[in-house]
């Protein structure tokens, strides 16, 4: 009977991702880890790749739940420096790379495969859209005075930064940016921007004297 094997397959696939990674896991590895059978993979997921992607997405959801709990437990002071709050949040995100390293390695492998497997690309794209919404919800809970549109924009920025930072950490944790480094980068950008009082108006915008009267 294969009807009840779906959860077993997901658990086995997550175990294989942790131990072997996305690219090195075979269907037989998943069968051995789950106690299910080869036919049940096709019955429940259609392919090994779809099963592994579902396992990655579920693992990221579990990681996200852990992270949400941490973020909501932080003391978000409305009067505090927003960049310091940013540093605090990213410090916790970076710490999670160490405890979930196999998940990030497997996700990188899956992204590379997505270019050649449309179904996999669609699964990942859907997961990203759900992640944006999830991040927006957490941001709105953790902060005050921010609307849904702004929270979603911030969530999209976090999602844009996250994979790049994870790649740097996977390759070289010792030299990857810290939360403090990211905060200082924002400060450097802000310092480089001209202020309203230091901007020089264009000549065209300056008031021009009236032309001399005829015959004067």
Protein backbone atom coordinates (compact mmCIF):
# COMPACT_ATOMS: atom_id res chain seq x y z
CA UNK A 1 0.00 0.00 0.00
CA UNK A 2 1.44 3.42 -0.94
CA UNK A 3 -1.27 5.84 0.13
CA UNK A 4 0.20 6.53 3.59
CA UNK A 5 3.81 6.96 2.53
CA UNK A 6 3.83 10.70 1.77
CA UNK A 7 5.01 11.89 5.18
CA UNK A 8 7.53 9.05 5.38
CA UNK A 9 8.93 10.07 2.00
CA UNK A 10 9.26 13.70 3.04
CA UNK A 11 11.02 12.71 6.26
CA UNK A 12 13.34 10.38 4.38
CA UNK A 13 14.07 12.99 1.71
CA UNK A 14 14.94 15.59 4.37
CA UNK A 15 17.29 13.10 6.00
CA UNK A 16 18.98 12.44 2.66
CA UNK A 17 19.32 16.16 1.95
CA UNK A 18 21.06 16.58 5.28
CA UNK A 19 23.40 13.63 4.78
CA UNK A 20 23.99 13.57 1.01
CA UNK A 21 22.75 16.83 -0.51
CA UNK A 22 20.36 17.42 -3.40
CA UNK A 23 22.60 16.33 -6.27
CA UNK A 24 23.88 13.10 -4.72
CA UNK A 25 20.57 11.76 -3.41
CA UNK A 26 19.01 8.97 -5.49
CA UNK A 27 15.46 7.68 -5.40
CA UNK A 28 16.76 4.46 -3.81
CA UNK A 29 18.43 6.51 -1.06
CA UNK A 30 15.08 8.08 -0.23
CA UNK A 31 13.35 4.69 -0.28
CA UNK A 32 15.96 3.29 2.11
CA UNK A 33 15.67 6.27 4.44
CA UNK A 34 11.86 6.35 4.44
CA UNK A 35 10.88 2.70 4.41
CA UNK A 36 8.58 3.43 1.45
CA UNK A 37 8.95 2.11 -2.10
CA UNK A 38 9.90 3.52 -5.49
CA UNK A 39 6.33 3.51 -6.78
CA UNK A 40 5.18 5.74 -3.92
CA UNK A 41 7.53 8.54 -5.04
CA UNK A 42 5.78 8.80 -8.39
CA UNK A 43 2.36 8.36 -6.82
CA UNK A 44 2.74 11.21 -4.31
CA UNK A 45 5.21 13.60 -5.98
CA UNK A 46 5.61 12.64 -9.63
CA UNK A 47 9.42 12.56 -9.54
CA UNK A 48 12.40 12.38 -7.24
CA UNK A 49 13.22 16.03 -8.01
CA UNK A 50 9.74 17.18 -7.03
CA UNK A 51 10.00 15.21 -3.78
CA UNK A 52 13.41 16.66 -2.92
CA UNK A 53 12.17 20.17 -3.67
CA UNK A 54 9.12 19.64 -1.47
CA UNK A 55 11.50 18.47 1.27
CA UNK A 56 13.64 21.61 0.86
CA UNK A 57 10.59 23.88 0.94
CA UNK A 58 9.22 22.14 4.04
CA UNK A 59 12.64 22.38 5.70
CA UNK A 60 12.80 26.10 4.92
CA UNK A 61 9.32 26.51 6.39
CA UNK A 62 10.49 24.84 9.59
CA UNK A 63 13.59 27.05 9.62
CA UNK A 64 11.36 30.08 9.04
CA UNK A 65 9.15 29.15 11.99
CA UNK A 66 12.21 28.94 14.23
CA UNK A 67 13.48 32.25 12.94
CA UNK A 68 10.09 33.94 13.34
CA UNK A 69 10.04 32.93 17.00
CA UNK A 70 13.52 34.36 17.51
CA UNK A 71 12.73 37.61 15.69
CA UNK A 72 9.53 38.16 17.63
CA UNK A 73 11.36 37.52 20.91
CA UNK A 74 13.82 40.35 20.25
CA UNK A 75 13.15 43.67 21.97
CA UNK A 76 12.05 45.99 19.17
CA UNK A 77 12.23 49.48 20.64
CA UNK A 78 10.44 52.07 18.53
CA UNK A 79 12.90 54.72 19.73
CA UNK A 80 16.03 52.66 18.99
CA UNK A 81 18.37 53.22 16.05
CA UNK A 82 16.76 51.35 13.12
CA UNK A 83 20.16 50.32 11.76
CA UNK A 84 21.05 48.77 15.11
CA UNK A 85 17.78 46.84 14.94
CA UNK A 86 18.73 45.73 11.43
CA UNK A 87 22.12 44.52 12.70
CA UNK A 88 20.46 42.59 15.50
CA UNK A 89 18.09 40.82 13.13
CA UNK A 90 20.83 39.89 10.66
CA UNK A 91 23.10 38.63 13.41
CA UNK A 92 20.44 36.05 14.28
CA UNK A 93 19.92 35.20 10.60
CA UNK A 94 23.64 34.58 10.13
CA UNK A 95 23.81 32.40 13.22
CA UNK A 96 21.13 30.19 11.69
CA UNK A 97 23.41 29.40 8.73
CA UNK A 98 25.61 27.26 10.98
CA UNK A 99 22.75 25.21 12.40
CA UNK A 100 21.10 24.75 8.97
CA UNK A 101 24.14 24.48 6.69
CA UNK A 102 22.99 21.27 4.89
CA UNK A 103 19.69 22.97 4.03
CA UNK A 104 21.44 25.93 2.41
CA UNK A 105 23.82 23.67 0.49
CA UNK A 106 20.90 21.64 -0.84
CA UNK A 107 18.99 24.79 -1.79
CA UNK A 108 21.92 26.04 -3.87
CA UNK A 109 21.98 22.73 -5.72
CA UNK A 110 18.24 22.89 -6.29
CA UNK A 111 18.43 26.43 -7.71
CA UNK A 112 21.01 25.24 -10.24
CA UNK A 113 18.75 22.38 -11.33
CA UNK A 114 15.69 24.64 -11.63
CA UNK A 115 16.95 26.10 -14.91
CA UNK A 116 16.45 22.71 -16.56
CA UNK A 117 13.36 21.44 -14.70
CA UNK A 118 10.31 23.72 -15.18
CA UNK A 119 8.31 22.02 -12.45
CA UNK A 120 11.12 22.57 -9.98
CA UNK A 121 11.41 26.22 -11.00
CA UNK A 122 7.68 26.71 -10.48
CA UNK A 123 7.83 25.09 -7.03
CA UNK A 124 10.68 27.36 -5.97
CA UNK A 125 9.03 30.48 -7.41
CA UNK A 126 5.85 29.72 -5.49
CA UNK A 127 7.88 29.18 -2.33
CA UNK A 128 9.60 32.56 -2.78
CA UNK A 129 6.23 34.30 -3.14
CA UNK A 130 5.00 32.67 0.06
CA UNK A 131 8.23 33.63 1.81
CA UNK A 132 7.78 37.30 0.89
CA UNK A 133 4.32 37.28 2.44
CA UNK A 134 5.58 35.44 5.51
CA UNK A 135 8.42 37.88 6.06
CA UNK A 136 6.03 40.81 5.70
CA UNK A 137 3.77 39.32 8.37
CA UNK A 138 6.67 38.91 10.80
CA UNK A 139 7.95 42.43 10.13
CA UNK A 140 4.50 43.86 10.86
CA UNK A 141 4.32 41.91 14.13
CA UNK A 142 7.84 42.83 15.22
CA UNK A 143 7.59 46.54 14.41
CA UNK A 144 5.03 49.26 14.84
CA UNK A 145 3.81 51.94 12.48
CA UNK A 146 4.52 50.03 9.28
CA UNK A 147 1.90 49.11 6.72
CA UNK A 148 1.59 45.91 4.72
CA UNK A 149 3.01 47.39 1.52
CA UNK A 150 6.16 48.64 3.22
CA UNK A 151 6.54 45.39 5.14
CA UNK A 152 6.32 43.40 1.93
CA UNK A 153 8.94 45.62 0.29
CA UNK A 154 11.27 45.13 3.25
CA UNK A 155 10.60 41.39 3.15
CA UNK A 156 11.55 41.35 -0.53
CA UNK A 157 14.80 43.15 0.28
CA UNK A 158 15.61 40.61 3.00
CA UNK A 159 14.90 37.78 0.55
CA UNK A 160 17.20 39.42 -2.01
CA UNK A 161 20.06 39.74 0.48
CA UNK A 162 19.67 36.34 2.12
CA UNK A 163 20.91 33.97 -0.64
CA UNK A 164 23.95 36.12 -1.43
CA UNK A 165 24.95 36.30 2.22
CA UNK A 166 24.35 32.56 2.64
CA UNK A 167 26.64 31.83 -0.33
CA UNK A 168 29.40 33.99 1.15
CA UNK A 169 29.03 32.21 4.48
CA UNK A 170 29.02 28.73 2.90
CA UNK A 171 32.23 29.46 1.01
CA UNK A 172 34.13 31.26 3.76
CA UNK A 173 32.39 31.79 7.12
CA UNK A 174 35.40 33.58 8.59
CA UNK A 175 35.37 36.36 6.02
CA UNK A 176 31.64 36.57 5.34
CA UNK A 177 29.94 39.82 6.47
CA UNK A 178 28.50 39.99 9.96
CA UNK A 179 25.35 41.76 11.03
CA UNK A 180 27.52 44.68 12.16
CA UNK A 181 29.22 44.77 8.76
CA UNK A 182 25.86 45.04 7.01
CA UNK A 183 24.79 47.83 9.34
CA UNK A 184 28.01 49.73 8.71
CA UNK A 185 27.50 49.31 4.96
CA UNK A 186 24.11 51.02 5.27
CA UNK A 187 25.66 53.83 7.32
CA UNK A 188 28.38 54.29 4.68
CA UNK A 189 25.79 54.54 1.92
CA UNK A 190 23.77 57.09 3.89
CA UNK A 191 26.89 59.13 4.65
CA UNK A 192 27.75 59.24 0.95
CA UNK A 193 24.37 60.67 -0.04
CA UNK A 194 24.18 64.46 -0.38
CA UNK A 195 21.99 66.15 2.17
CA UNK A 196 19.34 68.67 1.28
CA UNK A 197 21.48 71.52 2.61
CA UNK A 198 24.63 70.47 0.73
CA UNK A 199 23.09 70.04 -2.69
CA UNK A 200 24.10 72.63 -5.28
CA UNK A 201 21.13 73.74 -7.38
CA UNK A 202 21.48 73.53 -11.14
CA UNK A 203 22.25 76.76 -12.88
CA UNK A 204 19.05 76.35 -14.83
CA UNK A 205 17.12 76.26 -11.60
CA UNK A 206 18.69 79.44 -10.24
CA UNK A 207 16.68 82.67 -10.69
CA UNK A 208 17.98 84.61 -13.69
CA UNK A 209 18.18 88.43 -13.78
CA UNK A 210 15.74 90.25 -16.00
CA UNK A 211 17.19 91.30 -19.38
CA UNK A 212 18.12 95.00 -19.67
CA UNK A 213 15.44 97.29 -21.05
CA UNK A 214 15.74 98.38 -24.67
CA UNK A 215 17.73 101.58 -25.12
CA UNK A 216 19.16 101.60 -21.63
